[in-house]
Amino acid sequence: MEDNSKEVMELKLLALENEVKYQKEMILQKEVEVRLAKAEITNLDKPKITSEVFNAITYTIERAIMDYDFYGVDDFDYDFEIDHDNRLTLSNIALNDTDKLEQQIEMYIEQAFNIVQKEQ
């Protein structure tokens, strides 16, 4: 009788474990649905553009960055360090004046597009 009871309990345990596994999978699916719904809500507020306009914008930004003068030594902060071989190495470099780069990108976009004021 004891073996039968043990088998029944093991079957119940297996059923419960399967139910837990199923519920976890359902929760994961619902979490994915929640993330997708949040992304859709976020996208509702974004302005719509065509893929052609997007490509034109990215091309314009790429041109502005490629044409930017990154050779100005004074435009960067440098950090040096001495490594374990007593060699001087450049450990960090940062662009100081990002405003100039931003202005150049804006200028290229203004030149590439007909910007109109939104009607009230």
PDB file of N, CA and C in Angstrom:
ATOM      1  N   MET A   1       0.817  -1.197   0.000  1.00  0.00           N
ATOM      2  CA  MET A   1       0.000   0.000   0.000  1.00  0.00           C
ATOM      3  C   MET A   1       0.862   1.264   0.000  1.00  0.00           C
ATOM      4  N   GLU A   2       1.964   1.188   0.696  1.00  0.00           N
ATOM      5  CA  GLU A   2       2.847   2.339   0.805  1.00  0.00           C
ATOM      6  C   GLU A   2       3.455   2.700  -0.535  1.00  0.00           C
ATOM      7  N   ASP A   3       3.834   1.720  -1.365  1.00  0.00           N
ATOM      8  CA  ASP A   3       4.410   1.989  -2.674  1.00  0.00           C
ATOM      9  C   ASP A   3       3.410   2.691  -3.577  1.00  0.00           C
ATOM     10  N   ASN A   4       2.150   2.267  -3.504  1.00  0.00           N
ATOM     11  CA  ASN A   4       1.096   2.869  -4.307  1.00  0.00           C
ATOM     12  C   ASN A   4       0.915   4.333  -3.930  1.00  0.00           C
ATOM     13  N   SER A   5       0.935   4.610  -2.636  1.00  0.00           N
ATOM     14  CA  SER A   5       0.782   5.979  -2.159  1.00  0.00           C
ATOM     15  C   SER A   5       1.961   6.836  -2.616  1.00  0.00           C
ATOM     16  N   LYS A   6       3.155   6.256  -2.598  1.00  0.00           N
ATOM     17  CA  LYS A   6       4.339   6.987  -3.042  1.00  0.00           C
ATOM     18  C   LYS A   6       4.244   7.290  -4.525  1.00  0.00           C
ATOM     19  N   GLU A   7       3.770   6.335  -5.318  1.00  0.00           N
ATOM     20  CA  GLU A   7       3.620   6.554  -6.757  1.00  0.00           C
ATOM     21  C   GLU A   7       2.601   7.646  -7.042  1.00  0.00           C
ATOM     22  N   VAL A   8       1.517   7.628  -6.295  1.00  0.00           N
ATOM     23  CA  VAL A   8       0.491   8.654  -6.472  1.00  0.00           C
ATOM     24  C   VAL A   8       1.060  10.033  -6.129  1.00  0.00           C
ATOM     25  N   MET A   9       1.799  10.101  -5.024  1.00  0.00           N
ATOM     26  CA  MET A   9       2.387  11.381  -4.621  1.00  0.00           C
ATOM     27  C   MET A   9       3.415  11.868  -5.651  1.00  0.00           C
ATOM     28  N   GLU A  10       4.202  10.942  -6.208  1.00  0.00           N
ATOM     29  CA  GLU A  10       5.176  11.314  -7.221  1.00  0.00           C
ATOM     30  C   GLU A  10       4.482  11.820  -8.482  1.00  0.00           C
ATOM     31  N   LEU A  11       3.363  11.191  -8.845  1.00  0.00           N
ATOM     32  CA  LEU A  11       2.586  11.658 -10.002  1.00  0.00           C
ATOM     33  C   LEU A  11       1.999  13.044  -9.748  1.00  0.00           C
ATOM     34  N   LYS A  12       1.504  13.260  -8.525  1.00  0.00           N
ATOM     35  CA  LYS A  12       0.982  14.581  -8.169  1.00  0.00           C
ATOM     36  C   LYS A  12       2.087  15.628  -8.225  1.00  0.00           C
ATOM     37  N   LEU A  13       3.266  15.254  -7.700  1.00  0.00           N
ATOM     38  CA  LEU A  13       4.400  16.163  -7.724  1.00  0.00           C
ATOM     39  C   LEU A  13       4.797  16.490  -9.154  1.00  0.00           C
ATOM     40  N   LEU A  14       4.855  15.483 -10.005  1.00  0.00           N
ATOM     41  CA  LEU A  14       5.188  15.701 -11.410  1.00  0.00           C
ATOM     42  C   LEU A  14       4.161  16.610 -12.076  1.00  0.00           C
ATOM     43  N   ALA A  15       2.889  16.389 -11.777  1.00  0.00           N
ATOM     44  CA  ALA A  15       1.834  17.231 -12.342  1.00  0.00           C
ATOM     45  C   ALA A  15       1.989  18.680 -11.873  1.00  0.00           C
ATOM     46  N   LEU A  16       2.299  18.860 -10.591  1.00  0.00           N
ATOM     47  CA  LEU A  16       2.496  20.212 -10.063  1.00  0.00           C
ATOM     48  C   LEU A  16       3.710  20.882 -10.701  1.00  0.00           C
ATOM     49  N   GLU A  17       4.801  20.157 -10.860  1.00  0.00           N
ATOM     50  CA  GLU A  17       5.991  20.712 -11.493  1.00  0.00           C
ATOM     51  C   GLU A  17       5.698  21.113 -12.934  1.00  0.00           C
ATOM     52  N   ASN A  18       4.939  20.273 -13.637  1.00  0.00           N
ATOM     53  CA  ASN A  18       4.557  20.606 -15.013  1.00  0.00           C
ATOM     54  C   ASN A  18       3.675  21.843 -15.055  1.00  0.00           C
ATOM     55  N   GLU A  19       2.773  21.960 -14.098  1.00  0.00           N
ATOM     56  CA  GLU A  19       1.895  23.135 -14.023  1.00  0.00           C
ATOM     57  C   GLU A  19       2.720  24.398 -13.757  1.00  0.00           C
ATOM     58  N   VAL A  20       3.693  24.303 -12.857  1.00  0.00           N
ATOM     59  CA  VAL A  20       4.559  25.439 -12.559  1.00  0.00           C
ATOM     60  C   VAL A  20       5.337  25.832 -13.814  1.00  0.00           C
ATOM     61  N   LYS A  21       5.879  24.851 -14.512  1.00  0.00           N
ATOM     62  CA  LYS A  21       6.627  25.120 -15.746  1.00  0.00           C
ATOM     63  C   LYS A  21       5.724  25.807 -16.774  1.00  0.00           C
ATOM     64  N   TYR A  22       4.510  25.324 -16.926  1.00  0.00           N
ATOM     65  CA  TYR A  22       3.557  25.902 -17.870  1.00  0.00           C
ATOM     66  C   TYR A  22       3.227  27.344 -17.479  1.00  0.00           C
ATOM     67  N   GLN A  23       2.979  27.576 -16.194  1.00  0.00           N
ATOM     68  CA  GLN A  23       2.631  28.918 -15.729  1.00  0.00           C
ATOM     69  C   GLN A  23       3.800  29.886 -15.930  1.00  0.00           C
ATOM     70  N   LYS A  24       5.041  29.413 -15.701  1.00  0.00           N
ATOM     71  CA  LYS A  24       6.205  30.263 -15.933  1.00  0.00           C
ATOM     72  C   LYS A  24       6.306  30.651 -17.404  1.00  0.00           C
ATOM     73  N   GLU A  25       6.046  29.697 -18.293  1.00  0.00           N
ATOM     74  CA  GLU A  25       6.067  29.987 -19.727  1.00  0.00           C
ATOM     75  C   GLU A  25       4.988  30.999 -20.088  1.00  0.00           C
ATOM     76  N   MET A  26       3.826  30.869 -19.483  1.00  0.00           N
ATOM     77  CA  MET A  26       2.737  31.818 -19.738  1.00  0.00           C
ATOM     78  C   MET A  26       3.116  33.213 -19.241  1.00  0.00           C
ATOM     79  N   ILE A  27       3.757  33.277 -18.078  1.00  0.00           N
ATOM     80  CA  ILE A  27       4.191  34.573 -17.543  1.00  0.00           C
ATOM     81  C   ILE A  27       5.210  35.209 -18.479  1.00  0.00           C
ATOM     82  N   LEU A  28       6.161  34.423 -18.976  1.00  0.00           N
ATOM     83  CA  LEU A  28       7.146  34.955 -19.911  1.00  0.00           C
ATOM     84  C   LEU A  28       6.475  35.489 -21.169  1.00  0.00           C
ATOM     85  N   GLN A  29       5.487  34.768 -21.675  1.00  0.00           N
ATOM     86  CA  GLN A  29       4.761  35.242 -22.859  1.00  0.00           C
ATOM     87  C   GLN A  29       4.033  36.544 -22.568  1.00  0.00           C
ATOM     88  N   LYS A  30       3.433  36.664 -21.411  1.00  0.00           N
ATOM     89  CA  LYS A  30       2.719  37.887 -21.039  1.00  0.00           C
ATOM     90  C   LYS A  30       3.694  39.054 -20.853  1.00  0.00           C
ATOM     91  N   GLU A  31       4.887  38.769 -20.320  1.00  0.00           N
ATOM     92  CA  GLU A  31       5.881  39.823 -20.172  1.00  0.00           C
ATOM     93  C   GLU A  31       6.320  40.344 -21.534  1.00  0.00           C
ATOM     94  N   VAL A  32       6.453  39.452 -22.502  1.00  0.00           N
ATOM     95  CA  VAL A  32       6.786  39.869 -23.869  1.00  0.00           C
ATOM     96  C   VAL A  32       5.652  40.738 -24.423  1.00  0.00           C
ATOM     97  N   GLU A  33       4.420  40.326 -24.205  1.00  0.00           N
ATOM     98  CA  GLU A  33       3.269  41.106 -24.674  1.00  0.00           C
ATOM     99  C   GLU A  33       3.243  42.490 -24.027  1.00  0.00           C
ATOM    100  N   VAL A  34       3.577  42.569 -22.752  1.00  0.00           N
ATOM    101  CA  VAL A  34       3.613  43.855 -22.053  1.00  0.00           C
ATOM    102  C   VAL A  34       4.679  44.757 -22.665  1.00  0.00           C
ATOM    103  N   ARG A  35       5.885  44.208 -22.917  1.00  0.00           N
ATOM    104  CA  ARG A  35       6.959  45.015 -23.524  1.00  0.00           C
ATOM    105  C   ARG A  35       6.549  45.504 -24.907  1.00  0.00           C
ATOM    106  N   LEU A  36       5.909  44.630 -25.692  1.00  0.00           N
ATOM    107  CA  LEU A  36       5.463  45.039 -27.024  1.00  0.00           C
ATOM    108  C   LEU A  36       4.399  46.131 -26.940  1.00  0.00           C
ATOM    109  N   ALA A  37       3.475  45.996 -25.996  1.00  0.00           N
ATOM    110  CA  ALA A  37       2.433  47.012 -25.832  1.00  0.00           C
ATOM    111  C   ALA A  37       3.041  48.353 -25.411  1.00  0.00           C
ATOM    112  N   LYS A  38       4.030  48.314 -24.523  1.00  0.00           N
ATOM    113  CA  LYS A  38       4.695  49.551 -24.108  1.00  0.00           C
ATOM    114  C   LYS A  38       5.410  50.197 -25.296  1.00  0.00           C
ATOM    115  N   ALA A  39       6.055  49.380 -26.119  1.00  0.00           N
ATOM    116  CA  ALA A  39       6.748  49.913 -27.299  1.00  0.00           C
ATOM    117  C   ALA A  39       5.747  50.537 -28.265  1.00  0.00           C
ATOM    118  N   GLU A  40       4.589  49.911 -28.434  1.00  0.00           N
ATOM    119  CA  GLU A  40       3.558  50.468 -29.326  1.00  0.00           C
ATOM    120  C   GLU A  40       3.052  51.802 -28.794  1.00  0.00           C
ATOM    121  N   ILE A  41       2.849  51.882 -27.489  1.00  0.00           N
ATOM    122  CA  ILE A  41       2.385  53.142 -26.891  1.00  0.00           C
ATOM    123  C   ILE A  41       3.433  54.233 -27.096  1.00  0.00           C
ATOM    124  N   THR A  42       4.696  53.887 -26.888  1.00  0.00           N
ATOM    125  CA  THR A  42       5.780  54.852 -27.097  1.00  0.00           C
ATOM    126  C   THR A  42       5.807  55.320 -28.543  1.00  0.00           C
ATOM    127  N   ASN A  43       5.607  54.401 -29.478  1.00  0.00           N
ATOM    128  CA  ASN A  43       5.652  54.755 -30.893  1.00  0.00           C
ATOM    129  C   ASN A  43       4.485  55.635 -31.322  1.00  0.00           C
ATOM    130  N   LEU A  44       3.383  55.605 -30.601  1.00  0.00           N
ATOM    131  CA  LEU A  44       2.233  56.433 -30.960  1.00  0.00           C
ATOM    132  C   LEU A  44       2.569  57.922 -30.906  1.00  0.00           C
ATOM    133  N   ASP A  45       3.446  58.302 -29.981  1.00  0.00           N
ATOM    134  CA  ASP A  45       3.784  59.711 -29.807  1.00  0.00           C
ATOM    135  C   ASP A  45       4.905  60.177 -30.737  1.00  0.00           C
ATOM    136  N   LYS A  46       5.561  59.248 -31.406  1.00  0.00           N
ATOM    137  CA  LYS A  46       6.670  59.617 -32.285  1.00  0.00           C
ATOM    138  C   LYS A  46       6.146  60.136 -33.615  1.00  0.00           C
ATOM    139  N   PRO A  47       6.820  61.147 -34.165  1.00  0.00           N
ATOM    140  CA  PRO A  47       6.407  61.606 -35.493  1.00  0.00           C
ATOM    141  C   PRO A  47       6.689  60.521 -36.528  1.00  0.00           C
ATOM    142  N   LYS A  48       5.843  60.442 -37.531  1.00  0.00           N
ATOM    143  CA  LYS A  48       5.978  59.429 -38.580  1.00  0.00           C
ATOM    144  C   LYS A  48       6.839  59.985 -39.714  1.00  0.00           C
ATOM    145  N   ILE A  49       7.776  59.161 -40.197  1.00  0.00           N
ATOM    146  CA  ILE A  49       8.558  59.516 -41.379  1.00  0.00           C
ATOM    147  C   ILE A  49       8.673  58.275 -42.250  1.00  0.00           C
ATOM    148  N   THR A  50       8.875  58.504 -43.515  1.00  0.00           N
ATOM    149  CA  THR A  50       9.043  57.373 -44.433  1.00  0.00           C
ATOM    150  C   THR A  50      10.471  56.853 -44.339  1.00  0.00           C
ATOM    151  N   SER A  51      10.681  55.667 -44.858  1.00  0.00           N
ATOM    152  CA  SER A  51      12.037  55.107 -44.850  1.00  0.00           C
ATOM    153  C   SER A  51      12.961  55.944 -45.729  1.00  0.00           C
ATOM    154  N   GLU A  52      12.417  56.562 -46.794  1.00  0.00           N
ATOM    155  CA  GLU A  52      13.231  57.422 -47.647  1.00  0.00           C
ATOM    156  C   GLU A  52      13.722  58.645 -46.882  1.00  0.00           C
ATOM    157  N   VAL A  53      12.850  59.254 -46.097  1.00  0.00           N
ATOM    158  CA  VAL A  53      13.237  60.413 -45.300  1.00  0.00           C
ATOM    159  C   VAL A  53      14.246  59.993 -44.236  1.00  0.00           C
ATOM    160  N   PHE A  54      14.015  58.856 -43.610  1.00  0.00           N
ATOM    161  CA  PHE A  54      14.962  58.351 -42.619  1.00  0.00           C
ATOM    162  C   PHE A  54      16.338  58.152 -43.237  1.00  0.00           C
ATOM    163  N   ASN A  55      16.376  57.535 -44.400  1.00  0.00           N
ATOM    164  CA  ASN A  55      17.653  57.314 -45.079  1.00  0.00           C
ATOM    165  C   ASN A  55      18.325  58.640 -45.429  1.00  0.00           C
ATOM    166  N   ALA A  56      17.534  59.612 -45.855  1.00  0.00           N
ATOM    167  CA  ALA A  56      18.095  60.930 -46.182  1.00  0.00           C
ATOM    168  C   ALA A  56      18.664  61.602 -44.930  1.00  0.00           C
ATOM    169  N   ILE A  57      17.981  61.473 -43.816  1.00  0.00           N
ATOM    170  CA  ILE A  57      18.467  62.060 -42.560  1.00  0.00           C
ATOM    171  C   ILE A  57      19.772  61.398 -42.137  1.00  0.00           C
ATOM    172  N   THR A  58      19.809  60.075 -42.145  1.00  0.00           N
ATOM    173  CA  THR A  58      21.029  59.390 -41.719  1.00  0.00           C
ATOM    174  C   THR A  58      22.192  59.703 -42.652  1.00  0.00           C
ATOM    175  N   TYR A  59      21.917  59.784 -43.953  1.00  0.00           N
ATOM    176  CA  TYR A  59      22.977  60.138 -44.902  1.00  0.00           C
ATOM    177  C   TYR A  59      23.496  61.546 -44.618  1.00  0.00           C
ATOM    178  N   THR A  60      22.594  62.472 -44.335  1.00  0.00           N
ATOM    179  CA  THR A  60      22.985  63.851 -44.051  1.00  0.00           C
ATOM    180  C   THR A  60      23.828  63.919 -42.780  1.00  0.00           C
ATOM    181  N   ILE A  61      23.440  63.183 -41.755  1.00  0.00           N
ATOM    182  CA  ILE A  61      24.203  63.169 -40.507  1.00  0.00           C
ATOM    183  C   ILE A  61      25.581  62.544 -40.738  1.00  0.00           C
ATOM    184  N   GLU A  62      25.627  61.464 -41.495  1.00  0.00           N
ATOM    185  CA  GLU A  62      26.911  60.832 -41.811  1.00  0.00           C
ATOM    186  C   GLU A  62      27.839  61.812 -42.528  1.00  0.00           C
ATOM    187  N   ARG A  63      27.286  62.549 -43.499  1.00  0.00           N
ATOM    188  CA  ARG A  63      28.097  63.537 -44.227  1.00  0.00           C
ATOM    189  C   ARG A  63      28.616  64.618 -43.293  1.00  0.00           C
ATOM    190  N   ALA A  64      27.750  65.101 -42.406  1.00  0.00           N
ATOM    191  CA  ALA A  64      28.149  66.151 -41.468  1.00  0.00           C
ATOM    192  C   ALA A  64      29.269  65.664 -40.556  1.00  0.00           C
ATOM    193  N   ILE A  65      29.175  64.448 -40.087  1.00  0.00           N
ATOM    194  CA  ILE A  65      30.214  63.905 -39.210  1.00  0.00           C
ATOM    195  C   ILE A  65      31.500  63.659 -39.984  1.00  0.00           C
ATOM    196  N   MET A  66      31.384  63.128 -41.197  1.00  0.00           N
ATOM    197  CA  MET A  66      32.576  62.859 -42.002  1.00  0.00           C
ATOM    198  C   MET A  66      33.292  64.162 -42.377  1.00  0.00           C
ATOM    199  N   ASP A  67      32.541  65.233 -42.565  1.00  0.00           N
ATOM    200  CA  ASP A  67      33.134  66.518 -42.946  1.00  0.00           C
ATOM    201  C   ASP A  67      33.628  67.325 -41.746  1.00  0.00           C
ATOM    202  N   TYR A  68      33.330  66.886 -40.540  1.00  0.00           N
ATOM    203  CA  TYR A  68      33.734  67.623 -39.341  1.00  0.00           C
ATOM    204  C   TYR A  68      35.248  67.537 -39.162  1.00  0.00           C
ATOM    205  N   ASP A  69      35.846  68.632 -38.716  1.00  0.00           N
ATOM    206  CA  ASP A  69      37.294  68.686 -38.517  1.00  0.00           C
ATOM    207  C   ASP A  69      37.635  68.131 -37.128  1.00  0.00           C
ATOM    208  N   PHE A  70      37.988  66.859 -37.105  1.00  0.00           N
ATOM    209  CA  PHE A  70      38.383  66.221 -35.853  1.00  0.00           C
ATOM    210  C   PHE A  70      39.881  66.370 -35.572  1.00  0.00           C
ATOM    211  N   TYR A  71      40.563  67.205 -36.334  1.00  0.00           N
ATOM    212  CA  TYR A  71      42.015  67.320 -36.199  1.00  0.00           C
ATOM    213  C   TYR A  71      42.452  68.439 -35.277  1.00  0.00           C
ATOM    214  N   GLY A  72      41.514  69.190 -34.750  1.00  0.00           N
ATOM    215  CA  GLY A  72      41.870  70.267 -33.829  1.00  0.00           C
ATOM    216  C   GLY A  72      42.308  69.703 -32.484  1.00  0.00           C
ATOM    217  N   VAL A  73      43.578  69.815 -32.191  1.00  0.00           N
ATOM    218  CA  VAL A  73      44.142  69.239 -30.971  1.00  0.00           C
ATOM    219  C   VAL A  73      43.488  69.826 -29.727  1.00  0.00           C
ATOM    220  N   ASP A  74      43.152  71.094 -29.774  1.00  0.00           N
ATOM    221  CA  ASP A  74      42.553  71.749 -28.605  1.00  0.00           C
ATOM    222  C   ASP A  74      41.107  71.335 -28.364  1.00  0.00           C
ATOM    223  N   ASP A  75      40.505  70.624 -29.312  1.00  0.00           N
ATOM    224  CA  ASP A  75      39.116  70.197 -29.168  1.00  0.00           C
ATOM    225  C   ASP A  75      38.964  68.933 -28.324  1.00  0.00           C
ATOM    226  N   PHE A  76      40.072  68.374 -27.852  1.00  0.00           N
ATOM    227  CA  PHE A  76      40.026  67.103 -27.140  1.00  0.00           C
ATOM    228  C   PHE A  76      40.696  67.204 -25.775  1.00  0.00           C
ATOM    229  N   ASP A  77      40.206  66.387 -24.849  1.00  0.00           N
ATOM    230  CA  ASP A  77      40.882  66.171 -23.572  1.00  0.00           C
ATOM    231  C   ASP A  77      41.578  64.820 -23.660  1.00  0.00           C
ATOM    232  N   TYR A  78      42.826  64.786 -23.219  1.00  0.00           N
ATOM    233  CA  TYR A  78      43.612  63.561 -23.271  1.00  0.00           C
ATOM    234  C   TYR A  78      43.972  63.131 -21.857  1.00  0.00           C
ATOM    235  N   ASP A  79      43.955  61.846 -21.612  1.00  0.00           N
ATOM    236  CA  ASP A  79      44.453  61.297 -20.358  1.00  0.00           C
ATOM    237  C   ASP A  79      45.536  60.289 -20.701  1.00  0.00           C
ATOM    238  N   PHE A  80      46.679  60.470 -20.080  1.00  0.00           N
ATOM    239  CA  PHE A  80      47.803  59.572 -20.311  1.00  0.00           C
ATOM    240  C   PHE A  80      48.064  58.765 -19.049  1.00  0.00           C
ATOM    241  N   GLU A  81      48.703  57.622 -19.235  1.00  0.00           N
ATOM    242  CA  GLU A  81      49.123  56.825 -18.096  1.00  0.00           C
ATOM    243  C   GLU A  81      50.410  56.099 -18.466  1.00  0.00           C
ATOM    244  N   ILE A  82      51.105  55.676 -17.459  1.00  0.00           N
ATOM    245  CA  ILE A  82      52.330  54.906 -17.666  1.00  0.00           C
ATOM    246  C   ILE A  82      51.988  53.457 -17.383  1.00  0.00           C
ATOM    247  N   ASP A  83      52.229  52.597 -18.385  1.00  0.00           N
ATOM    248  CA  ASP A  83      51.876  51.189 -18.203  1.00  0.00           C
ATOM    249  C   ASP A  83      52.985  50.454 -17.454  1.00  0.00           C
ATOM    250  N   HIS A  84      52.820  49.170 -17.273  1.00  0.00           N
ATOM    251  CA  HIS A  84      53.761  48.380 -16.464  1.00  0.00           C
ATOM    252  C   HIS A  84      55.147  48.281 -17.096  1.00  0.00           C
ATOM    253  N   ASP A  85      55.293  48.588 -18.390  1.00  0.00           N
ATOM    254  CA  ASP A  85      56.594  48.610 -19.061  1.00  0.00           C
ATOM    255  C   ASP A  85      57.203  50.009 -19.077  1.00  0.00           C
ATOM    256  N   ASN A  86      56.647  50.911 -18.286  1.00  0.00           N
ATOM    257  CA  ASN A  86      57.080  52.311 -18.231  1.00  0.00           C
ATOM    258  C   ASN A  86      56.922  53.018 -19.568  1.00  0.00           C
ATOM    259  N   ARG A  87      55.932  52.604 -20.324  1.00  0.00           N
ATOM    260  CA  ARG A  87      55.620  53.290 -21.581  1.00  0.00           C
ATOM    261  C   ARG A  87      54.455  54.234 -21.340  1.00  0.00           C
ATOM    262  N   LEU A  88      54.529  55.386 -21.946  1.00  0.00           N
ATOM    263  CA  LEU A  88      53.450  56.361 -21.865  1.00  0.00           C
ATOM    264  C   LEU A  88      52.377  55.960 -22.876  1.00  0.00           C
ATOM    265  N   THR A  89      51.143  55.802 -22.388  1.00  0.00           N
ATOM    266  CA  THR A  89      50.047  55.415 -23.274  1.00  0.00           C
ATOM    267  C   THR A  89      48.888  56.385 -23.110  1.00  0.00           C
ATOM    268  N   LEU A  90      48.118  56.505 -24.157  1.00  0.00           N
ATOM    269  CA  LEU A  90      46.904  57.316 -24.125  1.00  0.00           C
ATOM    270  C   LEU A  90      45.789  56.441 -23.577  1.00  0.00           C
ATOM    271  N   SER A  91      45.283  56.789 -22.408  1.00  0.00           N
ATOM    272  CA  SER A  91      44.260  55.958 -21.782  1.00  0.00           C
ATOM    273  C   SER A  91      42.848  56.420 -22.098  1.00  0.00           C
ATOM    274  N   ASN A  92      42.695  57.703 -22.431  1.00  0.00           N
ATOM    275  CA  ASN A  92      41.359  58.217 -22.712  1.00  0.00           C
ATOM    276  C   ASN A  92      41.484  59.467 -23.575  1.00  0.00           C
ATOM    277  N   ILE A  93      40.519  59.613 -24.479  1.00  0.00           N
ATOM    278  CA  ILE A  93      40.444  60.829 -25.290  1.00  0.00           C
ATOM    279  C   ILE A  93      38.961  61.182 -25.401  1.00  0.00           C
ATOM    280  N   ALA A  94      38.650  62.456 -25.211  1.00  0.00           N
ATOM    281  CA  ALA A  94      37.254  62.885 -25.245  1.00  0.00           C
ATOM    282  C   ALA A  94      37.139  64.189 -26.023  1.00  0.00           C
ATOM    283  N   LEU A  95      36.102  64.283 -26.833  1.00  0.00           N
ATOM    284  CA  LEU A  95      35.817  65.497 -27.583  1.00  0.00           C
ATOM    285  C   LEU A  95      35.219  66.527 -26.641  1.00  0.00           C
ATOM    286  N   ASN A  96      35.851  67.692 -26.563  1.00  0.00           N
ATOM    287  CA  ASN A  96      35.393  68.756 -25.659  1.00  0.00           C
ATOM    288  C   ASN A  96      34.162  69.472 -26.174  1.00  0.00           C
ATOM    289  N   ASP A  97      34.291  70.034 -27.337  1.00  0.00           N
ATOM    290  CA  ASP A  97      33.281  70.949 -27.848  1.00  0.00           C
ATOM    291  C   ASP A  97      32.307  70.224 -28.759  1.00  0.00           C
ATOM    292  N   THR A  98      31.401  69.484 -28.158  1.00  0.00           N
ATOM    293  CA  THR A  98      30.418  68.766 -28.957  1.00  0.00           C
ATOM    294  C   THR A  98      29.396  69.718 -29.575  1.00  0.00           C
ATOM    295  N   ASP A  99      29.309  70.940 -29.041  1.00  0.00           N
ATOM    296  CA  ASP A  99      28.377  71.917 -29.597  1.00  0.00           C
ATOM    297  C   ASP A  99      28.695  72.227 -31.060  1.00  0.00           C
ATOM    298  N   LYS A 100      29.981  72.316 -31.394  1.00  0.00           N
ATOM    299  CA  LYS A 100      30.352  72.597 -32.784  1.00  0.00           C
ATOM    300  C   LYS A 100      29.916  71.463 -33.704  1.00  0.00           C
ATOM    301  N   LEU A 101      30.087  70.240 -33.258  1.00  0.00           N
ATOM    302  CA  LEU A 101      29.650  69.093 -34.060  1.00  0.00           C
ATOM    303  C   LEU A 101      28.127  69.102 -34.199  1.00  0.00           C
ATOM    304  N   GLU A 102      27.440  69.376 -33.113  1.00  0.00           N
ATOM    305  CA  GLU A 102      25.974  69.447 -33.145  1.00  0.00           C
ATOM    306  C   GLU A 102      25.508  70.534 -34.107  1.00  0.00           C
ATOM    307  N   GLN A 103      26.155  71.687 -34.065  1.00  0.00           N
ATOM    308  CA  GLN A 103      25.778  72.784 -34.961  1.00  0.00           C
ATOM    309  C   GLN A 103      26.024  72.417 -36.418  1.00  0.00           C
ATOM    310  N   GLN A 104      27.110  71.701 -36.683  1.00  0.00           N
ATOM    311  CA  GLN A 104      27.384  71.290 -38.052  1.00  0.00           C
ATOM    312  C   GLN A 104      26.321  70.308 -38.540  1.00  0.00           C
ATOM    313  N   ILE A 105      25.921  69.378 -37.704  1.00  0.00           N
ATOM    314  CA  ILE A 105      24.871  68.426 -38.087  1.00  0.00           C
ATOM    315  C   ILE A 105      23.572  69.164 -38.359  1.00  0.00           C
ATOM    316  N   GLU A 106      23.211  70.096 -37.463  1.00  0.00           N
ATOM    317  CA  GLU A 106      21.993  70.883 -37.664  1.00  0.00           C
ATOM    318  C   GLU A 106      22.045  71.670 -38.965  1.00  0.00           C
ATOM    319  N   MET A 107      23.195  72.272 -39.260  1.00  0.00           N
ATOM    320  CA  MET A 107      23.343  73.056 -40.484  1.00  0.00           C
ATOM    321  C   MET A 107      23.159  72.161 -41.714  1.00  0.00           C
ATOM    322  N   TYR A 108      23.765  70.978 -41.705  1.00  0.00           N
ATOM    323  CA  TYR A 108      23.614  70.064 -42.835  1.00  0.00           C
ATOM    324  C   TYR A 108      22.156  69.643 -43.013  1.00  0.00           C
ATOM    325  N   ILE A 109      21.463  69.389 -41.909  1.00  0.00           N
ATOM    326  CA  ILE A 109      20.045  68.998 -41.997  1.00  0.00           C
ATOM    327  C   ILE A 109      19.220  70.153 -42.543  1.00  0.00           C
ATOM    328  N   GLU A 110      19.478  71.378 -42.065  1.00  0.00           N
ATOM    329  CA  GLU A 110      18.745  72.541 -42.562  1.00  0.00           C
ATOM    330  C   GLU A 110      18.986  72.752 -44.047  1.00  0.00           C
ATOM    331  N   GLN A 111      20.200  72.467 -44.510  1.00  0.00           N
ATOM    332  CA  GLN A 111      20.504  72.620 -45.937  1.00  0.00           C
ATOM    333  C   GLN A 111      19.860  71.515 -46.778  1.00  0.00           C
ATOM    334  N   ALA A 112      19.693  70.338 -46.200  1.00  0.00           N
ATOM    335  CA  ALA A 112      19.189  69.195 -46.962  1.00  0.00           C
ATOM    336  C   ALA A 112      17.666  69.122 -47.005  1.00  0.00           C
ATOM    337  N   PHE A 113      16.992  69.772 -46.058  1.00  0.00           N
ATOM    338  CA  PHE A 113      15.536  69.622 -45.968  1.00  0.00           C
ATOM    339  C   PHE A 113      14.827  70.963 -45.951  1.00  0.00           C
ATOM    340  N   ASN A 114      13.605  70.932 -46.426  1.00  0.00           N
ATOM    341  CA  ASN A 114      12.733  72.100 -46.377  1.00  0.00           C
ATOM    342  C   ASN A 114      11.964  72.013 -45.055  1.00  0.00           C
ATOM    343  N   ILE A 115      12.412  72.730 -44.067  1.00  0.00           N
ATOM    344  CA  ILE A 115      11.817  72.654 -42.740  1.00  0.00           C
ATOM    345  C   ILE A 115      10.675  73.652 -42.670  1.00  0.00           C
ATOM    346  N   VAL A 116       9.495  73.154 -42.333  1.00  0.00           N
ATOM    347  CA  VAL A 116       8.308  74.003 -42.242  1.00  0.00           C
ATOM    348  C   VAL A 116       7.830  74.022 -40.800  1.00  0.00           C
ATOM    349  N   GLN A 117       7.188  75.122 -40.435  1.00  0.00           N
ATOM    350  CA  GLN A 117       6.636  75.240 -39.096  1.00  0.00           C
ATOM    351  C   GLN A 117       5.336  74.458 -39.019  1.00  0.00           C
ATOM    352  N   LYS A 118       5.132  73.760 -37.937  1.00  0.00           N
ATOM    353  CA  LYS A 118       3.930  72.989 -37.720  1.00  0.00           C
ATOM    354  C   LYS A 118       2.749  73.933 -37.500  1.00  0.00           C
ATOM    355  N   GLU A 119       1.661  73.672 -38.203  1.00  0.00           N
ATOM    356  CA  GLU A 119       0.464  74.508 -38.055  1.00  0.00           C
ATOM    357  C   GLU A 119      -0.181  74.255 -36.729  1.00  0.00           C
ATOM    358  N   GLN A 120      -0.666  75.325 -36.123  1.00  0.00           N
ATOM    359  CA  GLN A 120      -1.292  75.230 -34.791  1.00  0.00           C
ATOM    360  C   GLN A 120      -2.699  74.679 -34.880  1.00  0.00           C
TER     361      GLN A 120
END
